[in-house]
Amino acid sequence: MEKLTNKEEEIMHILWKLEKAFVKDVLAEIKNDKPHYNTLSTIIRNLEDKGYVAYNAYGKTHQYFPIITKEEYRKGFMNTAINNYFNNSYKNMVSFFAKEEKISVDELKEIIDLIEKNN
């Protein structure tokens, strides 16, 4: 799975939300830093080239839809992040969040309960 730019990722979130959309529909969903229509069209075509979206043609216009699910992207993204930043160790990742006080003891207990239920 090829890495996405921040803008491409933003567009994918919009497409996951809308499920199917024309460029104008995607543009209407962008809140900040709206790109020019042609720029957005190029970004979406790049997503197509990377294998993230496909389209249905209606004359000269295209309706785009994601072919990678949000869950598939999340798994790939997390696996890459854990590999690159935590030496491929989930323990290191959880320890990092605990040290940064981004995860509570109660949340850790919930995670342990989930792991025990799945084993």
PDB file of N, CA and C in Angstrom:
ATOM      1  N   MET A   1       0.853  -1.178   0.000  1.00  0.00           N
ATOM      2  CA  MET A   1       0.000   0.000   0.000  1.00  0.00           C
ATOM      3  C   MET A   1       0.898   1.240   0.000  1.00  0.00           C
ATOM      4  N   GLU A   2       0.751   2.059  -1.020  1.00  0.00           N
ATOM      5  CA  GLU A   2       1.587   3.247  -1.152  1.00  0.00           C
ATOM      6  C   GLU A   2       1.155   4.320  -0.152  1.00  0.00           C
ATOM      7  N   LYS A   3       2.155   5.015   0.404  1.00  0.00           N
ATOM      8  CA  LYS A   3       1.904   6.055   1.400  1.00  0.00           C
ATOM      9  C   LYS A   3       1.144   7.221   0.767  1.00  0.00           C
ATOM     10  N   LEU A   4       0.223   7.793   1.541  1.00  0.00           N
ATOM     11  CA  LEU A   4      -0.552   8.940   1.084  1.00  0.00           C
ATOM     12  C   LEU A   4       0.001  10.225   1.668  1.00  0.00           C
ATOM     13  N   THR A   5      -0.141  11.314   0.919  1.00  0.00           N
ATOM     14  CA  THR A   5       0.179  12.627   1.452  1.00  0.00           C
ATOM     15  C   THR A   5      -0.941  13.025   2.417  1.00  0.00           C
ATOM     16  N   ASN A   6      -0.718  14.055   3.195  1.00  0.00           N
ATOM     17  CA  ASN A   6      -1.760  14.527   4.120  1.00  0.00           C
ATOM     18  C   ASN A   6      -3.035  14.907   3.370  1.00  0.00           C
ATOM     19  N   LYS A   7      -2.894  15.589   2.244  1.00  0.00           N
ATOM     20  CA  LYS A   7      -4.063  16.016   1.466  1.00  0.00           C
ATOM     21  C   LYS A   7      -4.780  14.804   0.874  1.00  0.00           C
ATOM     22  N   GLU A   8      -4.019  13.826   0.371  1.00  0.00           N
ATOM     23  CA  GLU A   8      -4.637  12.613  -0.163  1.00  0.00           C
ATOM     24  C   GLU A   8      -5.412  11.872   0.927  1.00  0.00           C
ATOM     25  N   GLU A   9      -4.824  11.829   2.117  1.00  0.00           N
ATOM     26  CA  GLU A   9      -5.504  11.160   3.235  1.00  0.00           C
ATOM     27  C   GLU A   9      -6.798  11.898   3.593  1.00  0.00           C
ATOM     28  N   GLU A  10      -6.745  13.216   3.582  1.00  0.00           N
ATOM     29  CA  GLU A  10      -7.950  14.010   3.848  1.00  0.00           C
ATOM     30  C   GLU A  10      -9.038  13.694   2.822  1.00  0.00           C
ATOM     31  N   ILE A  11      -8.653  13.590   1.560  1.00  0.00           N
ATOM     32  CA  ILE A  11      -9.611  13.289   0.492  1.00  0.00           C
ATOM     33  C   ILE A  11     -10.181  11.883   0.679  1.00  0.00           C
ATOM     34  N   MET A  12      -9.331  10.926   1.074  1.00  0.00           N
ATOM     35  CA  MET A  12      -9.819   9.562   1.309  1.00  0.00           C
ATOM     36  C   MET A  12     -10.854   9.544   2.424  1.00  0.00           C
ATOM     37  N   HIS A  13     -10.636  10.300   3.490  1.00  0.00           N
ATOM     38  CA  HIS A  13     -11.623  10.347   4.580  1.00  0.00           C
ATOM     39  C   HIS A  13     -12.964  10.863   4.056  1.00  0.00           C
ATOM     40  N   ILE A  14     -12.910  11.832   3.168  1.00  0.00           N
ATOM     41  CA  ILE A  14     -14.145  12.358   2.580  1.00  0.00           C
ATOM     42  C   ILE A  14     -14.818  11.290   1.715  1.00  0.00           C
ATOM     43  N   LEU A  15     -14.031  10.598   0.911  1.00  0.00           N
ATOM     44  CA  LEU A  15     -14.608   9.553   0.057  1.00  0.00           C
ATOM     45  C   LEU A  15     -15.162   8.392   0.879  1.00  0.00           C
ATOM     46  N   TRP A  16     -14.494   8.026   1.957  1.00  0.00           N
ATOM     47  CA  TRP A  16     -15.040   6.982   2.829  1.00  0.00           C
ATOM     48  C   TRP A  16     -16.379   7.431   3.415  1.00  0.00           C
ATOM     49  N   LYS A  17     -16.463   8.693   3.766  1.00  0.00           N
ATOM     50  CA  LYS A  17     -17.700   9.222   4.338  1.00  0.00           C
ATOM     51  C   LYS A  17     -18.817   9.254   3.297  1.00  0.00           C
ATOM     52  N   LEU A  18     -18.516   9.761   2.109  1.00  0.00           N
ATOM     53  CA  LEU A  18     -19.534   9.929   1.071  1.00  0.00           C
ATOM     54  C   LEU A  18     -19.823   8.631   0.302  1.00  0.00           C
ATOM     55  N   GLU A  19     -18.876   7.731   0.284  1.00  0.00           N
ATOM     56  CA  GLU A  19     -18.934   6.445  -0.425  1.00  0.00           C
ATOM     57  C   GLU A  19     -18.795   6.577  -1.940  1.00  0.00           C
ATOM     58  N   LYS A  20     -19.487   7.510  -2.556  1.00  0.00           N
ATOM     59  CA  LYS A  20     -19.342   7.825  -3.981  1.00  0.00           C
ATOM     60  C   LYS A  20     -19.461   9.331  -4.115  1.00  0.00           C
ATOM     61  N   ALA A  21     -18.606   9.926  -4.962  1.00  0.00           N
ATOM     62  CA  ALA A  21     -18.664  11.381  -5.074  1.00  0.00           C
ATOM     63  C   ALA A  21     -18.010  11.873  -6.362  1.00  0.00           C
ATOM     64  N   PHE A  22     -18.555  12.952  -6.870  1.00  0.00           N
ATOM     65  CA  PHE A  22     -17.923  13.692  -7.955  1.00  0.00           C
ATOM     66  C   PHE A  22     -16.935  14.659  -7.324  1.00  0.00           C
ATOM     67  N   VAL A  23     -16.018  15.195  -8.111  1.00  0.00           N
ATOM     68  CA  VAL A  23     -15.008  16.127  -7.585  1.00  0.00           C
ATOM     69  C   VAL A  23     -15.682  17.286  -6.867  1.00  0.00           C
ATOM     70  N   LYS A  24     -16.766  17.811  -7.424  1.00  0.00           N
ATOM     71  CA  LYS A  24     -17.463  18.953  -6.805  1.00  0.00           C
ATOM     72  C   LYS A  24     -18.007  18.591  -5.419  1.00  0.00           C
ATOM     73  N   ASP A  25     -18.432  17.333  -5.246  1.00  0.00           N
ATOM     74  CA  ASP A  25     -18.938  16.877  -3.946  1.00  0.00           C
ATOM     75  C   ASP A  25     -17.822  16.829  -2.916  1.00  0.00           C
ATOM     76  N   VAL A  26     -16.664  16.345  -3.347  1.00  0.00           N
ATOM     77  CA  VAL A  26     -15.503  16.296  -2.452  1.00  0.00           C
ATOM     78  C   VAL A  26     -15.093  17.713  -2.078  1.00  0.00           C
ATOM     79  N   LEU A  27     -15.041  18.587  -3.058  1.00  0.00           N
ATOM     80  CA  LEU A  27     -14.654  19.983  -2.817  1.00  0.00           C
ATOM     81  C   LEU A  27     -15.579  20.638  -1.797  1.00  0.00           C
ATOM     82  N   ALA A  28     -16.860  20.345  -1.868  1.00  0.00           N
ATOM     83  CA  ALA A  28     -17.836  20.926  -0.933  1.00  0.00           C
ATOM     84  C   ALA A  28     -17.597  20.468   0.509  1.00  0.00           C
ATOM     85  N   GLU A  29     -16.975  19.314   0.694  1.00  0.00           N
ATOM     86  CA  GLU A  29     -16.723  18.769   2.029  1.00  0.00           C
ATOM     87  C   GLU A  29     -15.441  19.301   2.679  1.00  0.00           C
ATOM     88  N   ILE A  30     -14.554  19.882   1.890  1.00  0.00           N
ATOM     89  CA  ILE A  30     -13.284  20.370   2.423  1.00  0.00           C
ATOM     90  C   ILE A  30     -13.531  21.658   3.189  1.00  0.00           C
ATOM     91  N   LYS A  31     -13.118  21.667   4.443  1.00  0.00           N
ATOM     92  CA  LYS A  31     -13.395  22.814   5.328  1.00  0.00           C
ATOM     93  C   LYS A  31     -12.335  23.907   5.213  1.00  0.00           C
ATOM     94  N   ASN A  32     -11.060  23.517   5.290  1.00  0.00           N
ATOM     95  CA  ASN A  32      -9.957  24.491   5.296  1.00  0.00           C
ATOM     96  C   ASN A  32      -9.051  24.265   4.092  1.00  0.00           C
ATOM     97  N   ASP A  33      -8.420  25.331   3.648  1.00  0.00           N
ATOM     98  CA  ASP A  33      -7.461  25.253   2.545  1.00  0.00           C
ATOM     99  C   ASP A  33      -8.043  24.533   1.330  1.00  0.00           C
ATOM    100  N   LYS A  34      -9.188  25.017   0.858  1.00  0.00           N
ATOM    101  CA  LYS A  34      -9.819  24.405  -0.303  1.00  0.00           C
ATOM    102  C   LYS A  34      -8.896  24.538  -1.515  1.00  0.00           C
ATOM    103  N   PRO A  35      -8.561  23.414  -2.135  1.00  0.00           N
ATOM    104  CA  PRO A  35      -7.754  23.500  -3.351  1.00  0.00           C
ATOM    105  C   PRO A  35      -8.615  23.940  -4.530  1.00  0.00           C
ATOM    106  N   HIS A  36      -7.983  24.365  -5.603  1.00  0.00           N
ATOM    107  CA  HIS A  36      -8.687  24.666  -6.837  1.00  0.00           C
ATOM    108  C   HIS A  36      -9.292  23.364  -7.358  1.00  0.00           C
ATOM    109  N   TYR A  37     -10.387  23.454  -8.051  1.00  0.00           N
ATOM    110  CA  TYR A  37     -11.080  22.278  -8.591  1.00  0.00           C
ATOM    111  C   TYR A  37     -10.114  21.368  -9.364  1.00  0.00           C
ATOM    112  N   ASN A  38      -9.304  21.963 -10.252  1.00  0.00           N
ATOM    113  CA  ASN A  38      -8.374  21.165 -11.070  1.00  0.00           C
ATOM    114  C   ASN A  38      -7.311  20.485 -10.215  1.00  0.00           C
ATOM    115  N   THR A  39      -6.862  21.152  -9.169  1.00  0.00           N
ATOM    116  CA  THR A  39      -5.884  20.558  -8.253  1.00  0.00           C
ATOM    117  C   THR A  39      -6.491  19.359  -7.541  1.00  0.00           C
ATOM    118  N   LEU A  40      -7.724  19.518  -7.068  1.00  0.00           N
ATOM    119  CA  LEU A  40      -8.409  18.423  -6.398  1.00  0.00           C
ATOM    120  C   LEU A  40      -8.612  17.252  -7.352  1.00  0.00           C
ATOM    121  N   SER A  41      -8.974  17.544  -8.579  1.00  0.00           N
ATOM    122  CA  SER A  41      -9.156  16.495  -9.579  1.00  0.00           C
ATOM    123  C   SER A  41      -7.852  15.720  -9.787  1.00  0.00           C
ATOM    124  N   THR A  42      -6.738  16.417  -9.815  1.00  0.00           N
ATOM    125  CA  THR A  42      -5.426  15.770  -9.958  1.00  0.00           C
ATOM    126  C   THR A  42      -5.119  14.896  -8.746  1.00  0.00           C
ATOM    127  N   ILE A  43      -5.425  15.381  -7.550  1.00  0.00           N
ATOM    128  CA  ILE A  43      -5.191  14.593  -6.325  1.00  0.00           C
ATOM    129  C   ILE A  43      -6.002  13.304  -6.375  1.00  0.00           C
ATOM    130  N   ILE A  44      -7.247  13.406  -6.796  1.00  0.00           N
ATOM    131  CA  ILE A  44      -8.104  12.218  -6.858  1.00  0.00           C
ATOM    132  C   ILE A  44      -7.589  11.246  -7.922  1.00  0.00           C
ATOM    133  N   ARG A  45      -7.120  11.767  -9.054  1.00  0.00           N
ATOM    134  CA  ARG A  45      -6.539  10.885 -10.074  1.00  0.00           C
ATOM    135  C   ARG A  45      -5.270  10.209  -9.548  1.00  0.00           C
ATOM    136  N   ASN A  46      -4.496  10.919  -8.721  1.00  0.00           N
ATOM    137  CA  ASN A  46      -3.320  10.303  -8.095  1.00  0.00           C
ATOM    138  C   ASN A  46      -3.743   9.163  -7.177  1.00  0.00           C
ATOM    139  N   LEU A  47      -4.835   9.355  -6.452  1.00  0.00           N
ATOM    140  CA  LEU A  47      -5.364   8.289  -5.588  1.00  0.00           C
ATOM    141  C   LEU A  47      -5.781   7.084  -6.426  1.00  0.00           C
ATOM    142  N   GLU A  48      -6.302   7.362  -7.603  1.00  0.00           N
ATOM    143  CA  GLU A  48      -6.651   6.269  -8.515  1.00  0.00           C
ATOM    144  C   GLU A  48      -5.384   5.536  -8.964  1.00  0.00           C
ATOM    145  N   ASP A  49      -4.359   6.284  -9.342  1.00  0.00           N
ATOM    146  CA  ASP A  49      -3.089   5.680  -9.772  1.00  0.00           C
ATOM    147  C   ASP A  49      -2.457   4.843  -8.660  1.00  0.00           C
ATOM    148  N   LYS A  50      -2.638   5.264  -7.418  1.00  0.00           N
ATOM    149  CA  LYS A  50      -2.077   4.540  -6.271  1.00  0.00           C
ATOM    150  C   LYS A  50      -2.934   3.336  -5.869  1.00  0.00           C
ATOM    151  N   GLY A  51      -4.096   3.187  -6.495  1.00  0.00           N
ATOM    152  CA  GLY A  51      -4.951   2.041  -6.224  1.00  0.00           C
ATOM    153  C   GLY A  51      -5.906   2.208  -5.059  1.00  0.00           C
ATOM    154  N   TYR A  52      -6.195   3.435  -4.690  1.00  0.00           N
ATOM    155  CA  TYR A  52      -7.100   3.700  -3.572  1.00  0.00           C
ATOM    156  C   TYR A  52      -8.532   3.953  -4.011  1.00  0.00           C
ATOM    157  N   VAL A  53      -8.716   4.500  -5.207  1.00  0.00           N
ATOM    158  CA  VAL A  53     -10.059   4.807  -5.694  1.00  0.00           C
ATOM    159  C   VAL A  53     -10.234   4.326  -7.133  1.00  0.00           C
ATOM    160  N   ALA A  54     -11.484   4.177  -7.509  1.00  0.00           N
ATOM    161  CA  ALA A  54     -11.867   3.881  -8.884  1.00  0.00           C
ATOM    162  C   ALA A  54     -13.018   4.819  -9.221  1.00  0.00           C
ATOM    163  N   TYR A  55     -13.520   4.718 -10.430  1.00  0.00           N
ATOM    164  CA  TYR A  55     -14.606   5.619 -10.808  1.00  0.00           C
ATOM    165  C   TYR A  55     -15.569   4.960 -11.772  1.00  0.00           C
ATOM    166  N   ASN A  56     -16.751   5.540 -11.822  1.00  0.00           N
ATOM    167  CA  ASN A  56     -17.737   5.239 -12.850  1.00  0.00           C
ATOM    168  C   ASN A  56     -17.803   6.476 -13.737  1.00  0.00           C
ATOM    169  N   ALA A  57     -17.710   6.283 -15.049  1.00  0.00           N
ATOM    170  CA  ALA A  57     -17.751   7.408 -15.981  1.00  0.00           C
ATOM    171  C   ALA A  57     -19.183   7.672 -16.413  1.00  0.00           C
ATOM    172  N   TYR A  58     -19.547   8.939 -16.406  1.00  0.00           N
ATOM    173  CA  TYR A  58     -20.840   9.401 -16.895  1.00  0.00           C
ATOM    174  C   TYR A  58     -20.536  10.490 -17.911  1.00  0.00           C
ATOM    175  N   GLY A  59     -20.384  10.096 -19.153  1.00  0.00           N
ATOM    176  CA  GLY A  59     -19.949  11.050 -20.164  1.00  0.00           C
ATOM    177  C   GLY A  59     -18.518  11.465 -19.865  1.00  0.00           C
ATOM    178  N   LYS A  60     -18.310  12.778 -19.742  1.00  0.00           N
ATOM    179  CA  LYS A  60     -16.963  13.283 -19.466  1.00  0.00           C
ATOM    180  C   LYS A  60     -16.687  13.458 -17.979  1.00  0.00           C
ATOM    181  N   THR A  61     -17.650  13.152 -17.142  1.00  0.00           N
ATOM    182  CA  THR A  61     -17.465  13.320 -15.700  1.00  0.00           C
ATOM    183  C   THR A  61     -17.319  11.957 -15.029  1.00  0.00           C
ATOM    184  N   HIS A  62     -16.625  11.954 -13.908  1.00  0.00           N
ATOM    185  CA  HIS A  62     -16.375  10.706 -13.188  1.00  0.00           C
ATOM    186  C   HIS A  62     -16.903  10.790 -11.764  1.00  0.00           C
ATOM    187  N   GLN A  63     -17.517   9.707 -11.338  1.00  0.00           N
ATOM    188  CA  GLN A  63     -17.940   9.583  -9.940  1.00  0.00           C
ATOM    189  C   GLN A  63     -16.968   8.594  -9.286  1.00  0.00           C
ATOM    190  N   TYR A  64     -16.244   9.094  -8.288  1.00  0.00           N
ATOM    191  CA  TYR A  64     -15.182   8.315  -7.646  1.00  0.00           C
ATOM    192  C   TYR A  64     -15.704   7.589  -6.414  1.00  0.00           C
ATOM    193  N   PHE A  65     -15.080   6.448  -6.122  1.00  0.00           N
ATOM    194  CA  PHE A  65     -15.417   5.685  -4.918  1.00  0.00           C
ATOM    195  C   PHE A  65     -14.166   4.963  -4.427  1.00  0.00           C
ATOM    196  N   PRO A  66     -14.056   4.789  -3.101  1.00  0.00           N
ATOM    197  CA  PRO A  66     -12.871   4.117  -2.548  1.00  0.00           C
ATOM    198  C   PRO A  66     -12.911   2.614  -2.846  1.00  0.00           C
ATOM    199  N   ILE A  67     -11.748   2.060  -3.164  1.00  0.00           N
ATOM    200  CA  ILE A  67     -11.651   0.608  -3.335  1.00  0.00           C
ATOM    201  C   ILE A  67     -10.811  -0.014  -2.222  1.00  0.00           C
ATOM    202  N   ILE A  68     -10.249   0.828  -1.375  1.00  0.00           N
ATOM    203  CA  ILE A  68      -9.569   0.409  -0.151  1.00  0.00           C
ATOM    204  C   ILE A  68     -10.454   0.867   0.998  1.00  0.00           C
ATOM    205  N   THR A  69     -10.786  -0.036   1.902  1.00  0.00           N
ATOM    206  CA  THR A  69     -11.618   0.366   3.031  1.00  0.00           C
ATOM    207  C   THR A  69     -10.795   1.156   4.043  1.00  0.00           C
ATOM    208  N   LYS A  70     -11.498   1.890   4.864  1.00  0.00           N
ATOM    209  CA  LYS A  70     -10.843   2.646   5.924  1.00  0.00           C
ATOM    210  C   LYS A  70     -10.091   1.692   6.857  1.00  0.00           C
ATOM    211  N   GLU A  71     -10.683   0.538   7.132  1.00  0.00           N
ATOM    212  CA  GLU A  71     -10.062  -0.457   8.011  1.00  0.00           C
ATOM    213  C   GLU A  71      -8.766  -1.009   7.399  1.00  0.00           C
ATOM    214  N   GLU A  72      -8.772  -1.284   6.099  1.00  0.00           N
ATOM    215  CA  GLU A  72      -7.556  -1.766   5.424  1.00  0.00           C
ATOM    216  C   GLU A  72      -6.453  -0.715   5.511  1.00  0.00           C
ATOM    217  N   TYR A  73      -6.822   0.544   5.272  1.00  0.00           N
ATOM    218  CA  TYR A  73      -5.839   1.625   5.346  1.00  0.00           C
ATOM    219  C   TYR A  73      -5.307   1.769   6.768  1.00  0.00           C
ATOM    220  N   ARG A  74      -6.202   1.714   7.752  1.00  0.00           N
ATOM    221  CA  ARG A  74      -5.812   1.859   9.155  1.00  0.00           C
ATOM    222  C   ARG A  74      -4.807   0.776   9.540  1.00  0.00           C
ATOM    223  N   LYS A  75      -5.084  -0.465   9.144  1.00  0.00           N
ATOM    224  CA  LYS A  75      -4.169  -1.569   9.460  1.00  0.00           C
ATOM    225  C   LYS A  75      -2.789  -1.332   8.863  1.00  0.00           C
ATOM    226  N   GLY A  76      -2.755  -0.952   7.600  1.00  0.00           N
ATOM    227  CA  GLY A  76      -1.470  -0.687   6.948  1.00  0.00           C
ATOM    228  C   GLY A  76      -0.742   0.471   7.584  1.00  0.00           C
ATOM    229  N   PHE A  77      -1.474   1.538   7.876  1.00  0.00           N
ATOM    230  CA  PHE A  77      -0.891   2.727   8.492  1.00  0.00           C
ATOM    231  C   PHE A  77      -0.310   2.389   9.867  1.00  0.00           C
ATOM    232  N   MET A  78      -1.083   1.670  10.661  1.00  0.00           N
ATOM    233  CA  MET A  78      -0.627   1.328  12.023  1.00  0.00           C
ATOM    234  C   MET A  78       0.560   0.374  11.982  1.00  0.00           C
ATOM    235  N   ASN A  79       0.516  -0.608  11.100  1.00  0.00           N
ATOM    236  CA  ASN A  79       1.645  -1.526  10.991  1.00  0.00           C
ATOM    237  C   ASN A  79       2.923  -0.792  10.612  1.00  0.00           C
ATOM    238  N   THR A  80       2.818   0.147   9.686  1.00  0.00           N
ATOM    239  CA  THR A  80       3.981   0.937   9.276  1.00  0.00           C
ATOM    240  C   THR A  80       4.474   1.799  10.430  1.00  0.00           C
ATOM    241  N   ALA A  81       3.562   2.460  11.137  1.00  0.00           N
ATOM    242  CA  ALA A  81       3.944   3.324  12.260  1.00  0.00           C
ATOM    243  C   ALA A  81       4.609   2.514  13.369  1.00  0.00           C
ATOM    244  N   ILE A  82       4.042   1.374  13.697  1.00  0.00           N
ATOM    245  CA  ILE A  82       4.609   0.534  14.767  1.00  0.00           C
ATOM    246  C   ILE A  82       5.984   0.030  14.360  1.00  0.00           C
ATOM    247  N   ASN A  83       6.125  -0.350  13.104  1.00  0.00           N
ATOM    248  CA  ASN A  83       7.421  -0.817  12.608  1.00  0.00           C
ATOM    249  C   ASN A  83       8.455   0.309  12.618  1.00  0.00           C
ATOM    250  N   ASN A  84       8.072   1.478  12.103  1.00  0.00           N
ATOM    251  CA  ASN A  84       9.023   2.589  11.956  1.00  0.00           C
ATOM    252  C   ASN A  84       9.359   3.305  13.253  1.00  0.00           C
ATOM    253  N   TYR A  85       8.416   3.393  14.172  1.00  0.00           N
ATOM    254  CA  TYR A  85       8.625   4.219  15.363  1.00  0.00           C
ATOM    255  C   TYR A  85       8.736   3.442  16.666  1.00  0.00           C
ATOM    256  N   PHE A  86       8.331   2.175  16.662  1.00  0.00           N
ATOM    257  CA  PHE A  86       8.330   1.406  17.908  1.00  0.00           C
ATOM    258  C   PHE A  86       9.029   0.053  17.763  1.00  0.00           C
ATOM    259  N   ASN A  87       9.952  -0.034  16.785  1.00  0.00           N
ATOM    260  CA  ASN A  87      10.732  -1.261  16.564  1.00  0.00           C
ATOM    261  C   ASN A  87       9.839  -2.491  16.433  1.00  0.00           C
ATOM    262  N   ASN A  88       8.718  -2.317  15.782  1.00  0.00           N
ATOM    263  CA  ASN A  88       7.757  -3.400  15.545  1.00  0.00           C
ATOM    264  C   ASN A  88       7.256  -4.038  16.839  1.00  0.00           C
ATOM    265  N   SER A  89       7.171  -3.229  17.899  1.00  0.00           N
ATOM    266  CA  SER A  89       6.752  -3.734  19.208  1.00  0.00           C
ATOM    267  C   SER A  89       5.515  -2.986  19.701  1.00  0.00           C
ATOM    268  N   TYR A  90       4.434  -3.736  19.881  1.00  0.00           N
ATOM    269  CA  TYR A  90       3.214  -3.140  20.428  1.00  0.00           C
ATOM    270  C   TYR A  90       3.437  -2.735  21.881  1.00  0.00           C
ATOM    271  N   LYS A  91       4.272  -3.485  22.577  1.00  0.00           N
ATOM    272  CA  LYS A  91       4.602  -3.138  23.961  1.00  0.00           C
ATOM    273  C   LYS A  91       5.257  -1.759  24.018  1.00  0.00           C
ATOM    274  N   ASN A  92       6.202  -1.513  23.100  1.00  0.00           N
ATOM    275  CA  ASN A  92       6.850  -0.198  23.050  1.00  0.00           C
ATOM    276  C   ASN A  92       5.842   0.906  22.737  1.00  0.00           C
ATOM    277  N   MET A  93       4.882   0.607  21.873  1.00  0.00           N
ATOM    278  CA  MET A  93       3.873   1.606  21.521  1.00  0.00           C
ATOM    279  C   MET A  93       3.001   1.940  22.727  1.00  0.00           C
ATOM    280  N   VAL A  94       2.500   0.918  23.399  1.00  0.00           N
ATOM    281  CA  VAL A  94       1.641   1.146  24.566  1.00  0.00           C
ATOM    282  C   VAL A  94       2.428   1.852  25.663  1.00  0.00           C
ATOM    283  N   SER A  95       3.690   1.458  25.856  1.00  0.00           N
ATOM    284  CA  SER A  95       4.540   2.113  26.862  1.00  0.00           C
ATOM    285  C   SER A  95       4.715   3.590  26.547  1.00  0.00           C
ATOM    286  N   PHE A  96       4.889   3.900  25.276  1.00  0.00           N
ATOM    287  CA  PHE A  96       5.029   5.292  24.853  1.00  0.00           C
ATOM    288  C   PHE A  96       3.799   6.102  25.254  1.00  0.00           C
ATOM    289  N   PHE A  97       2.614   5.570  24.949  1.00  0.00           N
ATOM    290  CA  PHE A  97       1.382   6.298  25.272  1.00  0.00           C
ATOM    291  C   PHE A  97       1.163   6.392  26.780  1.00  0.00           C
ATOM    292  N   ALA A  98       1.575   5.376  27.505  1.00  0.00           N
ATOM    293  CA  ALA A  98       1.455   5.421  28.967  1.00  0.00           C
ATOM    294  C   ALA A  98       2.372   6.505  29.532  1.00  0.00           C
ATOM    295  N   LYS A  99       3.611   6.565  29.049  1.00  0.00           N
ATOM    296  CA  LYS A  99       4.567   7.582  29.524  1.00  0.00           C
ATOM    297  C   LYS A  99       4.112   8.990  29.173  1.00  0.00           C
ATOM    298  N   GLU A 100       3.477   9.125  28.020  1.00  0.00           N
ATOM    299  CA  GLU A 100       2.986  10.436  27.583  1.00  0.00           C
ATOM    300  C   GLU A 100       1.641  10.783  28.220  1.00  0.00           C
ATOM    301  N   GLU A 101       1.145   9.885  29.062  1.00  0.00           N
ATOM    302  CA  GLU A 101      -0.144  10.054  29.737  1.00  0.00           C
ATOM    303  C   GLU A 101      -1.293  10.220  28.746  1.00  0.00           C
ATOM    304  N   LYS A 102      -1.209   9.470  27.642  1.00  0.00           N
ATOM    305  CA  LYS A 102      -2.257   9.483  26.622  1.00  0.00           C
ATOM    306  C   LYS A 102      -3.208   8.300  26.791  1.00  0.00           C
ATOM    307  N   ILE A 103      -2.866   7.411  27.732  1.00  0.00           N
ATOM    308  CA  ILE A 103      -3.703   6.258  27.996  1.00  0.00           C
ATOM    309  C   ILE A 103      -3.788   6.070  29.505  1.00  0.00           C
ATOM    310  N   SER A 104      -4.981   5.805  29.998  1.00  0.00           N
ATOM    311  CA  SER A 104      -5.190   5.691  31.442  1.00  0.00           C
ATOM    312  C   SER A 104      -5.045   4.237  31.896  1.00  0.00           C
ATOM    313  N   VAL A 105      -4.939   4.059  33.193  1.00  0.00           N
ATOM    314  CA  VAL A 105      -4.875   2.719  33.780  1.00  0.00           C
ATOM    315  C   VAL A 105      -6.146   1.954  33.444  1.00  0.00           C
ATOM    316  N   ASP A 106      -7.295   2.625  33.518  1.00  0.00           N
ATOM    317  CA  ASP A 106      -8.564   1.964  33.191  1.00  0.00           C
ATOM    318  C   ASP A 106      -8.585   1.492  31.733  1.00  0.00           C
ATOM    319  N   GLU A 107      -8.060   2.317  30.837  1.00  0.00           N
ATOM    320  CA  GLU A 107      -8.006   1.923  29.430  1.00  0.00           C
ATOM    321  C   GLU A 107      -7.059   0.735  29.239  1.00  0.00           C
ATOM    322  N   LEU A 108      -5.940   0.739  29.958  1.00  0.00           N
ATOM    323  CA  LEU A 108      -5.017  -0.396  29.883  1.00  0.00           C
ATOM    324  C   LEU A 108      -5.681  -1.671  30.390  1.00  0.00           C
ATOM    325  N   LYS A 109      -6.447  -1.556  31.460  1.00  0.00           N
ATOM    326  CA  LYS A 109      -7.174  -2.721  31.987  1.00  0.00           C
ATOM    327  C   LYS A 109      -8.183  -3.238  30.958  1.00  0.00           C
ATOM    328  N   GLU A 110      -8.852  -2.319  30.271  1.00  0.00           N
ATOM    329  CA  GLU A 110      -9.799  -2.718  29.227  1.00  0.00           C
ATOM    330  C   GLU A 110      -9.087  -3.474  28.110  1.00  0.00           C
ATOM    331  N   ILE A 111      -7.908  -2.996  27.747  1.00  0.00           N
ATOM    332  CA  ILE A 111      -7.121  -3.663  26.707  1.00  0.00           C
ATOM    333  C   ILE A 111      -6.727  -5.070  27.159  1.00  0.00           C
ATOM    334  N   ILE A 112      -6.303  -5.193  28.399  1.00  0.00           N
ATOM    335  CA  ILE A 112      -5.946  -6.509  28.947  1.00  0.00           C
ATOM    336  C   ILE A 112      -7.149  -7.438  28.928  1.00  0.00           C
ATOM    337  N   ASP A 113      -8.310  -6.928  29.303  1.00  0.00           N
ATOM    338  CA  ASP A 113      -9.545  -7.728  29.289  1.00  0.00           C
ATOM    339  C   ASP A 113      -9.851  -8.209  27.864  1.00  0.00           C
ATOM    340  N   LEU A 114      -9.699  -7.316  26.882  1.00  0.00           N
ATOM    341  CA  LEU A 114      -9.945  -7.698  25.490  1.00  0.00           C
ATOM    342  C   LEU A 114      -8.991  -8.801  25.045  1.00  0.00           C
ATOM    343  N   ILE A 115      -7.717  -8.662  25.423  1.00  0.00           N
ATOM    344  CA  ILE A 115      -6.718  -9.665  25.043  1.00  0.00           C
ATOM    345  C   ILE A 115      -7.053 -11.010  25.692  1.00  0.00           C
ATOM    346  N   GLU A 116      -7.423 -10.973  26.969  1.00  0.00           N
ATOM    347  CA  GLU A 116      -7.747 -12.222  27.686  1.00  0.00           C
ATOM    348  C   GLU A 116      -8.985 -12.887  27.093  1.00  0.00           C
ATOM    349  N   LYS A 117      -9.964 -12.099  26.655  1.00  0.00           N
ATOM    350  CA  LYS A 117     -11.176 -12.668  26.060  1.00  0.00           C
ATOM    351  C   LYS A 117     -10.889 -13.312  24.710  1.00  0.00           C
ATOM    352  N   ASN A 118      -9.913 -12.783  23.985  1.00  0.00           N
ATOM    353  CA  ASN A 118      -9.584 -13.311  22.667  1.00  0.00           C
ATOM    354  C   ASN A 118      -8.643 -14.513  22.718  1.00  0.00           C
ATOM    355  N   ASN A 119      -8.099 -14.792  23.901  1.00  0.00           N
ATOM    356  CA  ASN A 119      -7.182 -15.955  24.011  1.00  0.00           C
ATOM    357  C   ASN A 119      -7.857 -17.150  24.595  1.00  0.00           C
TER     358      ASN A 119
END
